[in-house]
Amino acid sequence: MFILLGNLVAWAAILFGVARAGIGFFVGSLDLEAERAAAASRYLGSVAPGEAIEQGLFVFVFGVVFGVFVSIARSLSERNMVDEE
């Protein structure tokens, strides 16, 4: 049960991190400063695009590391199940 929940959290963090960084790249690529400021306020919560990209990458890395921990927990759980039989 906890392994399934951990796997879900890891995948959600990876997806949200990629989405946040992608939106940051999109907002940062806008040409006009007024459009960039309006898009940052609307899509990023008035955060600079560079900060959004950095936050997205941090969330992505967290999801990958958390997924590795879930994988380790799953293998240890399976090993304990085999040892008990």
Protein backbone atom coordinates (compact mmCIF):
# COMPACT_ATOMS: atom_id res chain seq x y z
CA MET A 1 0.00 0.00 0.00
CA PHE A 2 2.75 2.49 0.96
CA ILE A 3 4.85 1.42 -2.01
CA LEU A 4 1.95 2.14 -4.36
CA LEU A 5 1.38 5.54 -2.75
CA GLY A 6 5.11 6.32 -2.94
CA ASN A 7 5.19 5.36 -6.60
CA LEU A 8 2.24 7.66 -7.25
CA VAL A 9 3.95 10.56 -5.44
CA ALA A 10 7.16 10.00 -7.40
CA TRP A 11 5.39 10.02 -10.76
CA ALA A 12 3.30 13.06 -9.82
CA ALA A 13 6.44 14.97 -8.81
CA ILE A 14 8.14 14.06 -12.08
CA LEU A 15 5.14 15.16 -14.15
CA PHE A 16 4.57 18.40 -12.23
CA GLY A 17 8.28 19.22 -12.35
CA VAL A 18 8.44 18.77 -16.11
CA ALA A 19 5.26 20.80 -16.55
CA ARG A 20 6.53 23.65 -14.33
CA ALA A 21 9.88 23.79 -16.15
CA GLY A 22 8.13 23.60 -19.53
CA ILE A 23 5.80 26.46 -18.68
CA GLY A 24 8.81 28.42 -17.43
CA PHE A 25 10.59 27.88 -20.76
CA PHE A 26 7.44 28.92 -22.64
CA VAL A 27 7.01 32.12 -20.63
CA GLY A 28 10.71 32.89 -20.90
CA SER A 29 10.60 32.56 -24.68
CA LEU A 30 7.99 35.30 -25.15
CA ASP A 31 9.38 38.31 -26.99
CA LEU A 32 7.62 41.30 -25.46
CA GLU A 33 8.33 42.18 -21.83
CA ALA A 34 4.67 43.05 -21.19
CA GLU A 35 3.52 39.67 -22.52
CA ARG A 36 6.18 37.90 -20.47
CA ALA A 37 5.10 39.70 -17.28
CA ALA A 38 1.42 38.97 -17.91
CA ALA A 39 2.10 35.31 -18.69
CA ALA A 40 4.33 34.94 -15.64
CA SER A 41 1.61 36.40 -13.45
CA ARG A 42 -1.05 34.19 -15.01
CA TYR A 43 0.73 30.85 -15.41
CA LEU A 44 3.52 30.99 -12.83
CA GLY A 45 2.00 32.97 -9.99
CA SER A 46 4.13 36.07 -10.65
CA VAL A 47 7.43 34.18 -10.44
CA ALA A 48 10.22 34.92 -12.89
CA PRO A 49 10.54 32.27 -15.62
CA GLY A 50 14.04 31.33 -14.49
CA GLU A 51 12.81 30.65 -10.97
CA ALA A 52 9.97 28.50 -12.32
CA ILE A 53 12.43 26.47 -14.40
CA GLU A 54 14.64 25.99 -11.34
CA GLN A 55 11.68 24.96 -9.18
CA GLY A 56 10.51 22.53 -11.85
CA LEU A 57 13.93 20.93 -12.07
CA PHE A 58 14.10 20.58 -8.27
CA VAL A 59 10.68 18.90 -8.19
CA PHE A 60 11.72 16.62 -11.07
CA VAL A 61 14.92 15.56 -9.29
CA PHE A 62 12.94 15.00 -6.08
CA GLY A 63 10.56 12.72 -8.01
CA VAL A 64 13.42 10.70 -9.49
CA VAL A 65 15.16 10.29 -6.12
CA PHE A 66 11.89 9.42 -4.41
CA GLY A 67 11.20 6.87 -7.16
CA VAL A 68 14.59 5.27 -6.54
CA PHE A 69 13.77 5.01 -2.83
CA VAL A 70 10.40 3.43 -3.66
CA SER A 71 12.16 0.93 -5.93
CA ILE A 72 14.56 0.03 -3.12
CA ALA A 73 11.64 -0.37 -0.71
CA ARG A 74 9.83 -2.60 -3.20
CA SER A 75 12.85 -4.88 -3.66
CA LEU A 76 13.37 -5.12 0.11
CA SER A 77 9.70 -5.90 0.61
CA GLU A 78 9.80 -8.64 -2.02
CA ARG A 79 12.96 -10.07 -0.46
CA ASN A 80 11.26 -10.21 2.96
CA MET A 81 8.25 -11.96 1.44
CA VAL A 82 10.52 -14.63 -0.11
CA ASP A 83 12.48 -15.09 3.13
CA GLU A 84 9.27 -15.65 5.12
CA GLU A 85 8.14 -18.47 2.83
